PDB file of N, CA and C in Angstrom:
ATOM      1  N   MET A   1      -8.747   3.711  21.048  1.00  0.00           N
ATOM      2  CA  MET A   1      -8.975   4.557  19.800  1.00  0.00           C
ATOM      3  C   MET A   1      -8.395   4.698  19.133  1.00  0.00           C
ATOM      4  N   SER A   2      -6.884   4.230  19.130  1.00  0.00           N
ATOM      5  CA  SER A   2      -5.509   4.208  18.115  1.00  0.00           C
ATOM      6  C   SER A   2      -6.406   3.235  17.213  1.00  0.00           C
ATOM      7  N   GLN A   3      -6.040   2.113  18.319  1.00  0.00           N
ATOM      8  CA  GLN A   3      -6.758   0.651  17.471  1.00  0.00           C
ATOM      9  C   GLN A   3      -8.086   0.585  16.662  1.00  0.00           C
ATOM     10  N   LEU A   4      -8.928   1.164  17.028  1.00  0.00           N
ATOM     11  CA  LEU A   4      -9.546   2.019  16.060  1.00  0.00           C
ATOM     12  C   LEU A   4      -9.460   2.571  14.238  1.00  0.00           C
ATOM     13  N   ILE A   5      -8.800   3.405  14.796  1.00  0.00           N
ATOM     14  CA  ILE A   5      -7.922   4.014  13.899  1.00  0.00           C
ATOM     15  C   ILE A   5      -7.121   3.223  12.878  1.00  0.00           C
ATOM     16  N   SER A   6      -6.273   2.342  13.502  1.00  0.00           N
ATOM     17  CA  SER A   6      -5.571   1.876  12.283  1.00  0.00           C
ATOM     18  C   SER A   6      -6.713   0.956  12.059  1.00  0.00           C
ATOM     19  N   GLY A   7      -7.413  -0.144  12.564  1.00  0.00           N
ATOM     20  CA  GLY A   7      -8.362  -0.977  11.910  1.00  0.00           C
ATOM     21  C   GLY A   7      -8.606  -0.954  10.790  1.00  0.00           C
ATOM     22  N   ALA A   8      -9.470   1.176  11.010  1.00  0.00           N
ATOM     23  CA  ALA A   8     -10.708   1.350   9.940  1.00  0.00           C
ATOM     24  C   ALA A   8      -8.780   1.984   8.782  1.00  0.00           C
ATOM     25  N   LEU A   9      -7.900   2.316   8.951  1.00  0.00           N
ATOM     26  CA  LEU A   9      -6.960   2.699   7.808  1.00  0.00           C
ATOM     27  C   LEU A   9      -6.982   1.050   7.174  1.00  0.00           C
ATOM     28  N   VAL A  10      -6.287   0.168   7.977  1.00  0.00           N
ATOM     29  CA  VAL A  10      -6.010  -1.200   6.906  1.00  0.00           C
ATOM     30  C   VAL A  10      -7.469  -1.947   6.595  1.00  0.00           C
ATOM     31  N   MET A  11      -8.581  -1.205   6.874  1.00  0.00           N
ATOM     32  CA  MET A  11      -9.969  -1.923   5.879  1.00  0.00           C
ATOM     33  C   MET A  11      -9.644  -1.080   4.337  1.00  0.00           C
ATOM     34  N   GLY A  12      -9.635   0.435   4.719  1.00  0.00           N
ATOM     35  CA  GLY A  12      -9.656   1.522   3.472  1.00  0.00           C
ATOM     36  C   GLY A  12      -8.396   1.536   2.710  1.00  0.00           C
ATOM     37  N   TYR A  13      -7.154   0.684   3.187  1.00  0.00           N
ATOM     38  CA  TYR A  13      -6.292   0.409   2.156  1.00  0.00           C
ATOM     39  C   TYR A  13      -6.579  -0.908   1.777  1.00  0.00           C
ATOM     40  N   PHE A  14      -7.042  -2.082   1.905  1.00  0.00           N
ATOM     41  CA  PHE A  14      -7.623  -2.941   1.850  1.00  0.00           C
ATOM     42  C   PHE A  14      -8.428  -3.097   0.267  1.00  0.00           C
ATOM     43  N   VAL A  15      -9.474  -2.242   0.756  1.00  0.00           N
ATOM     44  CA  VAL A  15     -10.370  -1.736  -0.093  1.00  0.00           C
ATOM     45  C   VAL A  15      -9.972  -0.888  -1.104  1.00  0.00           C
ATOM     46  N   ALA A  16      -8.878  -0.063  -0.857  1.00  0.00           N
ATOM     47  CA  ALA A  16      -7.982   0.746  -2.644  1.00  0.00           C
ATOM     48  C   ALA A  16      -7.903  -0.765  -3.337  1.00  0.00           C
ATOM     49  N   GLY A  17      -6.821  -1.662  -2.449  1.00  0.00           N
ATOM     50  CA  GLY A  17      -5.639  -2.095  -2.974  1.00  0.00           C
ATOM     51  C   GLY A  17      -7.076  -3.460  -4.285  1.00  0.00           C
ATOM     52  N   LEU A  18      -8.179  -3.587  -3.573  1.00  0.00           N
ATOM     53  CA  LEU A  18      -9.205  -4.227  -4.302  1.00  0.00           C
ATOM     54  C   LEU A  18     -10.027  -3.292  -5.882  1.00  0.00           C
ATOM     55  N   TYR A  19      -9.547  -1.984  -5.203  1.00  0.00           N
ATOM     56  CA  TYR A  19     -10.703  -1.424  -6.618  1.00  0.00           C
ATOM     57  C   TYR A  19      -9.988  -1.052  -7.509  1.00  0.00           C
ATOM     58  N   PHE A  20      -7.553  -1.075  -7.605  1.00  0.00           N
ATOM     59  CA  PHE A  20      -7.215  -1.567  -8.035  1.00  0.00           C
ATOM     60  C   PHE A  20      -6.969  -2.637  -8.660  1.00  0.00           C
ATOM     61  N   LEU A  21      -7.145  -3.551  -8.090  1.00  0.00           N
ATOM     62  CA  LEU A  21      -7.073  -5.020  -9.062  1.00  0.00           C
ATOM     63  C   LEU A  21      -8.408  -4.847  -9.951  1.00  0.00           C
ATOM     64  N   ARG A  22      -8.811  -4.811  -9.545  1.00  0.00           N
ATOM     65  CA  ARG A  22     -10.222  -5.118 -10.839  1.00  0.00           C
ATOM     66  C   ARG A  22     -10.312  -4.128 -11.580  1.00  0.00           C
ATOM     67  N   PHE A  23      -9.543  -2.442 -11.403  1.00  0.00           N
ATOM     68  CA  PHE A  23      -9.292  -1.852 -12.781  1.00  0.00           C
ATOM     69  C   PHE A  23      -8.266  -2.618 -13.683  1.00  0.00           C
ATOM     70  N   TRP A  24      -7.028  -3.221 -12.837  1.00  0.00           N
ATOM     71  CA  TRP A  24      -6.146  -3.633 -13.382  1.00  0.00           C
ATOM     72  C   TRP A  24      -6.754  -5.222 -14.017  1.00  0.00           C
ATOM     73  N   ARG A  25      -7.690  -5.866 -13.982  1.00  0.00           N
ATOM     74  CA  ARG A  25      -8.481  -7.317 -14.812  1.00  0.00           C
ATOM     75  C   ARG A  25      -8.820  -6.964 -15.660  1.00  0.00           C
ATOM     76  N   ASP A  26      -9.291  -5.950 -15.914  1.00  0.00           N
ATOM     77  CA  ASP A  26      -9.718  -4.996 -17.080  1.00  0.00           C
ATOM     78  C   ASP A  26      -9.445  -4.426 -17.856  1.00  0.00           C
ATOM     79  N   THR A  27      -8.162  -3.890 -17.122  1.00  0.00           N
ATOM     80  CA  THR A  27      -7.322  -3.064 -18.463  1.00  0.00           C
ATOM     81  C   THR A  27      -5.647  -4.153 -18.396  1.00  0.00           C
ATOM     82  N   ARG A  28      -5.575  -4.239 -18.001  1.00  0.00           N
ATOM     83  CA  ARG A  28      -3.932  -5.197 -18.072  1.00  0.00           C
ATOM     84  C   ARG A  28      -3.133  -3.920 -17.996  1.00  0.00           C
ATOM     85  N   ASP A  29      -3.070  -2.947 -17.281  1.00  0.00           N
ATOM     86  CA  ASP A  29      -1.994  -1.441 -17.186  1.00  0.00           C
ATOM     87  C   ASP A  29      -1.359  -1.534 -15.686  1.00  0.00           C
ATOM     88  N   ARG A  30      -0.231  -1.604 -15.893  1.00  0.00           N
ATOM     89  CA  ARG A  30       0.895  -2.532 -14.769  1.00  0.00           C
ATOM     90  C   ARG A  30       0.439  -0.958 -13.675  1.00  0.00           C
ATOM     91  N   LEU A  31      -0.262   0.198 -14.251  1.00  0.00           N
ATOM     92  CA  LEU A  31      -0.184   1.322 -13.459  1.00  0.00           C
ATOM     93  C   LEU A  31      -1.108   1.253 -12.038  1.00  0.00           C
ATOM     94  N   PHE A  32      -2.210  -0.311 -12.179  1.00  0.00           N
ATOM     95  CA  PHE A  32      -3.358  -0.557 -11.215  1.00  0.00           C
ATOM     96  C   PHE A  32      -2.592  -1.374 -10.949  1.00  0.00           C
ATOM     97  N   GLY A  33      -2.050  -2.373 -11.307  1.00  0.00           N
ATOM     98  CA  GLY A  33      -1.504  -4.043 -10.455  1.00  0.00           C
ATOM     99  C   GLY A  33      -0.109  -3.317  -9.287  1.00  0.00           C
ATOM    100  N   ILE A  34       0.549  -2.201  -9.580  1.00  0.00           N
ATOM    101  CA  ILE A  34       1.303  -1.500  -8.865  1.00  0.00           C
ATOM    102  C   ILE A  34       0.793  -0.638  -7.751  1.00  0.00           C
ATOM    103  N   PHE A  35      -0.796   0.042  -8.356  1.00  0.00           N
ATOM    104  CA  PHE A  35      -1.157   0.363  -7.356  1.00  0.00           C
ATOM    105  C   PHE A  35      -2.051  -0.282  -6.116  1.00  0.00           C
ATOM    106  N   ALA A  36      -2.352  -1.884  -6.839  1.00  0.00           N
ATOM    107  CA  ALA A  36      -3.121  -2.579  -6.328  1.00  0.00           C
ATOM    108  C   ALA A  36      -2.157  -2.544  -4.814  1.00  0.00           C
ATOM    109  N   ALA A  37      -0.075  -3.508  -5.538  1.00  0.00           N
ATOM    110  CA  ALA A  37      -0.039  -3.612  -4.630  1.00  0.00           C
ATOM    111  C   ALA A  37       0.626  -2.965  -3.333  1.00  0.00           C
ATOM    112  N   ALA A  38       0.937  -1.318  -4.160  1.00  0.00           N
ATOM    113  CA  ALA A  38       1.194  -0.242  -3.012  1.00  0.00           C
ATOM    114  C   ALA A  38       0.195  -0.662  -2.003  1.00  0.00           C
ATOM    115  N   PHE A  39      -1.184  -0.566  -2.304  1.00  0.00           N
ATOM    116  CA  PHE A  39      -1.951  -0.318  -0.613  1.00  0.00           C
ATOM    117  C   PHE A  39      -2.335  -1.646  -0.020  1.00  0.00           C
ATOM    118  N   TRP A  40      -2.059  -2.801  -0.708  1.00  0.00           N
ATOM    119  CA  TRP A  40      -1.752  -3.476   0.207  1.00  0.00           C
ATOM    120  C   TRP A  40      -1.178  -3.862   1.093  1.00  0.00           C
ATOM    121  N   LEU A  41       0.453  -3.323   0.449  1.00  0.00           N
ATOM    122  CA  LEU A  41       1.786  -3.548   1.357  1.00  0.00           C
ATOM    123  C   LEU A  41       1.157  -1.903   3.110  1.00  0.00           C
ATOM    124  N   LEU A  42       0.667  -1.324   1.983  1.00  0.00           N
ATOM    125  CA  LEU A  42       0.385  -0.339   3.143  1.00  0.00           C
ATOM    126  C   LEU A  42      -0.709  -0.607   4.346  1.00  0.00           C
ATOM    127  N   ALA A  43      -1.801  -1.495   3.867  1.00  0.00           N
ATOM    128  CA  ALA A  43      -2.346  -2.218   4.420  1.00  0.00           C
ATOM    129  C   ALA A  43      -1.714  -3.106   5.779  1.00  0.00           C
ATOM    130  N   ALA A  44      -0.521  -3.561   5.086  1.00  0.00           N
ATOM    131  CA  ALA A  44      -0.221  -5.155   5.572  1.00  0.00           C
ATOM    132  C   ALA A  44       1.113  -4.124   7.186  1.00  0.00           C
ATOM    133  N   GLN A  45       1.187  -3.146   6.645  1.00  0.00           N
ATOM    134  CA  GLN A  45       2.250  -2.247   7.226  1.00  0.00           C
ATOM    135  C   GLN A  45       1.651  -1.617   8.697  1.00  0.00           C
ATOM    136  N   ARG A  46      -0.021  -1.110   8.440  1.00  0.00           N
ATOM    137  CA  ARG A  46       0.080  -0.485   9.356  1.00  0.00           C
ATOM    138  C   ARG A  46      -1.093  -1.562  10.364  1.00  0.00           C
ATOM    139  N   ALA A  47      -1.706  -2.726  10.075  1.00  0.00           N
ATOM    140  CA  ALA A  47      -1.443  -3.967  10.649  1.00  0.00           C
ATOM    141  C   ALA A  47      -0.937  -4.110  11.273  1.00  0.00           C
ATOM    142  N   ALA A  48       0.641  -4.421  10.820  1.00  0.00           N
ATOM    143  CA  ALA A  48       1.777  -5.226  12.036  1.00  0.00           C
ATOM    144  C   ALA A  48       2.026  -4.008  13.254  1.00  0.00           C
ATOM    145  N   LEU A  49       1.578  -2.498  12.287  1.00  0.00           N
ATOM    146  CA  LEU A  49       1.763  -1.128  13.514  1.00  0.00           C
ATOM    147  C   LEU A  49       0.971  -1.703  14.849  1.00  0.00           C
ATOM    148  N   ALA A  50      -0.268  -1.527  14.604  1.00  0.00           N
ATOM    149  CA  ALA A  50      -0.983  -1.391  15.153  1.00  0.00           C
ATOM    150  C   ALA A  50      -0.764  -3.025  16.290  1.00  0.00           C
ATOM    151  N   LEU A  51       0.008  -4.085  15.941  1.00  0.00           N
ATOM    152  CA  LEU A  51      -0.308  -5.245  16.554  1.00  0.00           C
ATOM    153  C   LEU A  51       1.254  -5.766  17.020  1.00  0.00           C
ATOM    154  N   THR A  52       1.632  -4.195  16.932  1.00  0.00           N
ATOM    155  CA  THR A  52       3.644  -3.669  17.699  1.00  0.00           C
ATOM    156  C   THR A  52       3.457  -3.903  19.130  1.00  0.00           C
ATOM    157  N   THR A  53       4.238  -4.843  19.620  1.00  0.00           N
ATOM    158  CA  THR A  53       4.022  -4.361  21.349  1.00  0.00           C
ATOM    159  C   THR A  53       5.455  -3.579  21.975  1.00  0.00           C
ATOM    160  N   ASP A  54       6.402  -3.890  21.021  1.00  0.00           N
ATOM    161  CA  ASP A  54       7.528  -2.677  21.575  1.00  0.00           C
ATOM    162  C   ASP A  54       7.637  -1.749  20.083  1.00  0.00           C
ATOM    163  N   PRO A  55       7.265  -0.371  19.847  1.00  0.00           N
ATOM    164  CA  PRO A  55       7.553   0.614  19.321  1.00  0.00           C
ATOM    165  C   PRO A  55       8.181   1.031  18.652  1.00  0.00           C
ATOM    166  N   THR A  56       9.364   0.827  19.784  1.00  0.00           N
ATOM    167  CA  THR A  56      10.925   1.753  19.353  1.00  0.00           C
ATOM    168  C   THR A  56      11.443   1.118  18.471  1.00  0.00           C
ATOM    169  N   GLY A  57      11.840  -0.722  18.414  1.00  0.00           N
ATOM    170  CA  GLY A  57      12.375  -1.458  17.426  1.00  0.00           C
ATOM    171  C   GLY A  57      12.208  -1.845  16.486  1.00  0.00           C
ATOM    172  N   GLU A  58      10.469  -2.112  15.999  1.00  0.00           N
ATOM    173  CA  GLU A  58      10.206  -2.338  14.701  1.00  0.00           C
ATOM    174  C   GLU A  58       9.177  -1.735  14.146  1.00  0.00           C
ATOM    175  N   GLN A  59       9.544  -0.625  14.138  1.00  0.00           N
ATOM    176  CA  GLN A  59       9.346   1.253  13.602  1.00  0.00           C
ATOM    177  C   GLN A  59       9.589   1.108  12.172  1.00  0.00           C
ATOM    178  N   LEU A  60      11.033   1.196  12.638  1.00  0.00           N
ATOM    179  CA  LEU A  60      11.918   1.335  10.970  1.00  0.00           C
ATOM    180  C   LEU A  60      11.786   0.322  10.212  1.00  0.00           C
ATOM    181  N   LEU A  61      11.785  -1.064  10.903  1.00  0.00           N
ATOM    182  CA  LEU A  61      11.039  -2.019   9.697  1.00  0.00           C
ATOM    183  C   LEU A  61      10.054  -1.575   8.388  1.00  0.00           C
ATOM    184  N   LEU A  62       8.870  -1.254   9.724  1.00  0.00           N
ATOM    185  CA  LEU A  62       7.622  -1.507   9.448  1.00  0.00           C
ATOM    186  C   LEU A  62       7.873   0.130   8.404  1.00  0.00           C
ATOM    187  N   TYR A  63       8.108   1.327   9.187  1.00  0.00           N
ATOM    188  CA  TYR A  63       8.181   2.814   8.294  1.00  0.00           C
ATOM    189  C   TYR A  63       8.924   2.280   7.103  1.00  0.00           C
ATOM    190  N   SER A  64      10.108   1.357   6.940  1.00  0.00           N
ATOM    191  CA  SER A  64      10.232   1.366   5.969  1.00  0.00           C
ATOM    192  C   SER A  64       9.535   0.293   4.432  1.00  0.00           C
ATOM    193  N   VAL A  65       8.736  -0.522   5.115  1.00  0.00           N
ATOM    194  CA  VAL A  65       7.662  -0.382   4.037  1.00  0.00           C
ATOM    195  C   VAL A  65       6.786  -0.109   3.569  1.00  0.00           C
ATOM    196  N   ARG A  66       6.492   1.021   4.382  1.00  0.00           N
ATOM    197  CA  ARG A  66       5.702   2.603   3.864  1.00  0.00           C
ATOM    198  C   ARG A  66       6.432   2.946   2.836  1.00  0.00           C
ATOM    199  N   LEU A  67       8.102   3.518   3.327  1.00  0.00           N
ATOM    200  CA  LEU A  67       8.625   3.899   2.013  1.00  0.00           C
ATOM    201  C   LEU A  67       8.194   2.904   1.143  1.00  0.00           C
ATOM    202  N   LEU A  68       8.295   2.008   0.992  1.00  0.00           N
ATOM    203  CA  LEU A  68       8.505   0.939  -0.528  1.00  0.00           C
ATOM    204  C   LEU A  68       7.592   0.605  -1.181  1.00  0.00           C
ATOM    205  N   ALA A  69       6.281   1.300  -0.576  1.00  0.00           N
ATOM    206  CA  ALA A  69       4.773   1.101  -0.513  1.00  0.00           C
ATOM    207  C   ALA A  69       4.754   2.645  -1.630  1.00  0.00           C
ATOM    208  N   PHE A  70       5.487   3.430  -0.816  1.00  0.00           N
ATOM    209  CA  PHE A  70       5.302   4.778  -1.783  1.00  0.00           C
ATOM    210  C   PHE A  70       6.053   5.024  -2.950  1.00  0.00           C
ATOM    211  N   VAL A  71       7.650   4.640  -2.834  1.00  0.00           N
ATOM    212  CA  VAL A  71       8.132   4.378  -4.661  1.00  0.00           C
ATOM    213  C   VAL A  71       7.732   3.929  -5.160  1.00  0.00           C
ATOM    214  N   LEU A  72       6.578   2.550  -4.902  1.00  0.00           N
ATOM    215  CA  LEU A  72       6.414   1.717  -6.075  1.00  0.00           C
ATOM    216  C   LEU A  72       4.881   2.539  -6.973  1.00  0.00           C
ATOM    217  N   ILE A  73       4.577   3.474  -5.847  1.00  0.00           N
ATOM    218  CA  ILE A  73       3.384   4.240  -6.637  1.00  0.00           C
ATOM    219  C   ILE A  73       4.378   5.756  -7.156  1.00  0.00           C
ATOM    220  N   LEU A  74       5.546   6.103  -6.666  1.00  0.00           N
ATOM    221  CA  LEU A  74       5.579   7.234  -7.506  1.00  0.00           C
ATOM    222  C   LEU A  74       6.785   6.603  -8.967  1.00  0.00           C
ATOM    223  N   ALA A  75       7.276   5.173  -8.771  1.00  0.00           N
ATOM    224  CA  ALA A  75       7.465   4.536  -9.674  1.00  0.00           C
ATOM    225  C   ALA A  75       6.563   3.841 -10.453  1.00  0.00           C
ATOM    226  N   ALA A  76       5.421   3.747 -10.280  1.00  0.00           N
ATOM    227  CA  ALA A  76       3.751   3.224 -10.940  1.00  0.00           C
ATOM    228  C   ALA A  76       3.880   4.450 -12.236  1.00  0.00           C
ATOM    229  N   ILE A  77       3.644   6.410 -11.501  1.00  0.00           N
ATOM    230  CA  ILE A  77       3.278   6.802 -11.952  1.00  0.00           C
ATOM    231  C   ILE A  77       4.206   7.587 -13.082  1.00  0.00           C
ATOM    232  N   ILE A  78       5.713   8.018 -12.479  1.00  0.00           N
ATOM    233  CA  ILE A  78       6.421   7.958 -13.497  1.00  0.00           C
ATOM    234  C   ILE A  78       6.865   6.863 -15.345  1.00  0.00           C
ATOM    235  N   ASP A  79       6.504   5.733 -14.860  1.00  0.00           N
ATOM    236  CA  ASP A  79       6.393   4.514 -16.066  1.00  0.00           C
ATOM    237  C   ASP A  79       4.868   5.215 -17.029  1.00  0.00           C
ATOM    238  N   LYS A  80       3.918   5.397 -16.099  1.00  0.00           N
ATOM    239  CA  LYS A  80       3.306   5.769 -16.786  1.00  0.00           C
ATOM    240  C   LYS A  80       3.146   7.027 -17.903  1.00  0.00           C
ATOM    241  N   ASN A  81       3.721   7.743 -17.399  1.00  0.00           N
ATOM    242  CA  ASN A  81       4.245   9.129 -18.081  1.00  0.00           C
ATOM    243  C   ASN A  81       5.238   8.761 -19.075  1.00  0.00           C
ATOM    244  N   ARG A  82       6.076   7.692 -19.175  1.00  0.00           N
ATOM    245  CA  ARG A  82       7.108   7.742 -19.668  1.00  0.00           C
ATOM    246  C   ARG A  82       6.532   7.066 -21.449  1.00  0.00           C
ATOM    247  N   GLY A  83       5.738   6.789 -20.840  1.00  0.00           N
ATOM    248  CA  GLY A  83       4.511   6.151 -22.776  1.00  0.00           C
ATOM    249  C   GLY A  83       4.739   4.184 -22.280  1.00  0.00           C
ATOM    250  N   GLY A  84       4.989   3.711 -21.029  1.00  0.00           N
ATOM    251  CA  GLY A  84       4.956   2.191 -20.757  1.00  0.00           C
ATOM    252  C   GLY A  84       3.894   1.688 -20.266  1.00  0.00           C
ATOM    253  N   ASP A  85       3.707   0.580 -21.093  1.00  0.00           N
ATOM    254  CA  ASP A  85       1.986   0.166 -21.107  1.00  0.00           C
ATOM    255  C   ASP A  85       2.043  -0.759 -19.805  1.00  0.00           C
TER     256      ASP A  85
END
């Protein structure tokens, strides 16, 4: 059941990244480009987490990737609110 949920999350993150990529192509707004990259990082992290066989050794690195994705989202929001295009 865990593999099924992980697969659904990977698909959802990937589709969200495509959604933001479409808006980035239309507007060339950095916010959408960074959001797309962050969601693709989340998809890659979840896929790697589902495929790992040693949950204790690789989890710190994988969750660091997840932290990076959330920092990217936060930086994009701060950048947008500061008036950067």
